[in-house]
């Protein structure tokens, strides 16, 4: 199956009178935890409920480790890490916990995951 895309008009900052067009991914919909657990259960000796329990446990373990300040490395799957959203201060002493607005979770895919996408095909919607 191929990744569907649509053509989208984009503003051309270098030449505003001449628009540009780019390809943008078009989602086929959503796959949820139950779909994934069903697929994984067919490929293993675990039943779907066991797979859901493992995924839920993994979600809890990842969020706990991230909130403790760790980077999570899941082998060929990839790694999760936090980035802070903080206000810039005039002096180093002014930087404190109050200058942090929040954080974001980032995912960096592993080499094998990226490699599996090299054979992806694309087609218009």
Protein backbone atom coordinates (compact mmCIF):
# COMPACT_ATOMS: atom_id res chain seq x y z
CA UNK A 1 0.00 0.00 0.00
CA UNK A 2 1.25 3.50 -0.70
CA UNK A 3 1.23 6.77 1.21
CA UNK A 4 -1.42 9.09 -0.21
CA UNK A 5 -0.64 12.75 -0.74
CA UNK A 6 -2.40 15.89 -1.84
CA UNK A 7 -0.99 18.97 -3.56
CA UNK A 8 -1.04 22.10 -1.40
CA UNK A 9 -0.41 25.71 -2.42
CA UNK A 10 2.38 27.27 -0.39
CA UNK A 11 3.32 30.93 0.01
CA UNK A 12 6.58 31.79 -1.73
CA UNK A 13 8.49 34.14 0.58
CA UNK A 14 11.21 34.81 -2.02
CA UNK A 15 8.75 35.74 -4.76
CA UNK A 16 5.27 36.47 -3.28
CA UNK A 17 3.69 36.85 -6.74
CA UNK A 18 4.65 33.30 -7.72
CA UNK A 19 3.08 30.59 -5.51
CA UNK A 20 4.70 27.20 -4.99
CA UNK A 21 3.12 23.80 -4.56
CA UNK A 22 4.18 20.92 -2.32
CA UNK A 23 3.06 17.38 -1.62
CA UNK A 24 1.45 16.85 1.81
CA UNK A 25 0.60 13.49 3.42
CA UNK A 26 -3.07 12.60 3.48
CA UNK A 27 -4.01 10.29 6.32
CA UNK A 28 -6.13 7.22 5.67
CA UNK A 29 -7.52 7.48 9.20
CA UNK A 30 -6.42 6.22 12.59
CA UNK A 31 -5.08 2.96 13.96
CA UNK A 32 -5.72 2.62 17.67
CA UNK A 33 -4.29 0.46 20.44
CA UNK A 34 -6.88 -2.25 19.81
CA UNK A 35 -6.00 -2.50 16.11
CA UNK A 36 -2.30 -2.75 16.92
CA UNK A 37 -2.82 -5.26 19.72
CA UNK A 38 -4.95 -7.42 17.44
CA UNK A 39 -2.26 -7.38 14.73
CA UNK A 40 0.49 -8.17 17.26
CA UNK A 41 -1.51 -10.98 18.86
CA UNK A 42 -1.80 -12.70 15.47
CA UNK A 43 1.98 -12.50 15.07
CA UNK A 44 2.79 -13.88 18.54
CA UNK A 45 1.59 -16.27 21.22
CA UNK A 46 0.06 -13.42 23.24
CA UNK A 47 -3.62 -12.63 23.10
CA UNK A 48 -4.83 -9.09 22.34
CA UNK A 49 -5.58 -8.33 26.01
CA UNK A 50 -1.99 -9.23 27.00
CA UNK A 51 -0.60 -6.98 24.26
CA UNK A 52 -2.82 -4.08 25.42
CA UNK A 53 -1.56 -4.62 28.98
CA UNK A 54 2.06 -4.49 27.79
CA UNK A 55 1.44 -1.33 25.75
CA UNK A 56 -0.32 0.34 28.69
CA UNK A 57 2.54 -0.69 30.98
CA UNK A 58 5.10 0.63 28.50
CA UNK A 59 3.23 3.95 28.28
CA UNK A 60 3.32 4.28 32.07
CA UNK A 61 7.01 3.30 32.28
CA UNK A 62 7.98 5.78 29.54
CA UNK A 63 6.08 8.67 31.11
CA UNK A 64 7.59 7.90 34.53
CA UNK A 65 11.15 7.71 33.18
CA UNK A 66 10.70 10.93 31.17
CA UNK A 67 9.37 12.77 34.22
CA UNK A 68 12.43 11.53 36.13
CA UNK A 69 14.67 13.14 33.50
CA UNK A 70 15.75 10.09 31.51
CA UNK A 71 16.03 9.55 27.75
CA UNK A 72 14.25 6.32 26.81
CA UNK A 73 16.01 4.16 24.22
CA UNK A 74 13.92 1.34 22.80
CA UNK A 75 16.51 -0.29 20.53
CA UNK A 76 15.65 -0.30 16.83
CA UNK A 77 12.29 1.31 17.54
CA UNK A 78 13.81 4.64 18.60
CA UNK A 79 14.10 6.96 21.58
CA UNK A 80 11.95 9.44 23.48
CA UNK A 81 13.25 12.58 25.16
CA UNK A 82 11.98 15.85 26.61
CA UNK A 83 12.55 19.40 25.47
CA UNK A 84 11.70 22.36 27.69
CA UNK A 85 9.58 25.30 26.58
CA UNK A 86 11.14 28.14 28.57
CA UNK A 87 11.15 31.92 28.52
CA UNK A 88 14.54 33.53 27.85
CA UNK A 89 15.96 35.54 30.76
CA UNK A 90 18.43 38.41 30.79
CA UNK A 91 20.85 36.77 33.24
CA UNK A 92 21.78 33.18 34.12
CA UNK A 93 20.63 33.75 37.72
CA UNK A 94 17.15 34.72 36.49
CA UNK A 95 16.65 31.28 34.93
CA UNK A 96 14.65 29.13 37.32
CA UNK A 97 11.73 26.70 37.38
CA UNK A 98 9.28 29.60 37.04
CA UNK A 99 10.74 30.47 33.62
CA UNK A 100 9.77 27.02 32.31
CA UNK A 101 6.33 27.03 30.66
CA UNK A 102 6.21 23.30 30.04
CA UNK A 103 7.82 20.51 28.10
CA UNK A 104 7.33 18.52 24.92
CA UNK A 105 7.98 14.86 24.23
CA UNK A 106 10.06 14.15 21.14
CA UNK A 107 10.57 10.85 19.37
CA UNK A 108 13.65 10.01 17.31
CA UNK A 109 13.06 6.87 15.25
CA UNK A 110 15.70 4.15 15.24
CA UNK A 111 17.73 3.24 12.15
CA UNK A 112 15.73 0.07 11.46
CA UNK A 113 12.40 1.92 11.63
CA UNK A 114 13.67 4.57 9.22
CA UNK A 115 15.16 1.89 6.95
CA UNK A 116 11.79 0.13 6.68
CA UNK A 117 10.32 3.33 5.22
CA UNK A 118 12.88 3.60 2.40
CA UNK A 119 10.71 1.42 0.15
CA UNK A 120 7.59 3.50 0.71
CA UNK A 121 5.67 4.35 -2.44
CA UNK A 122 3.56 7.44 -2.95
CA UNK A 123 0.37 8.11 -4.90
CA UNK A 124 -2.12 10.95 -5.20
CA UNK A 125 -5.36 10.78 -3.32
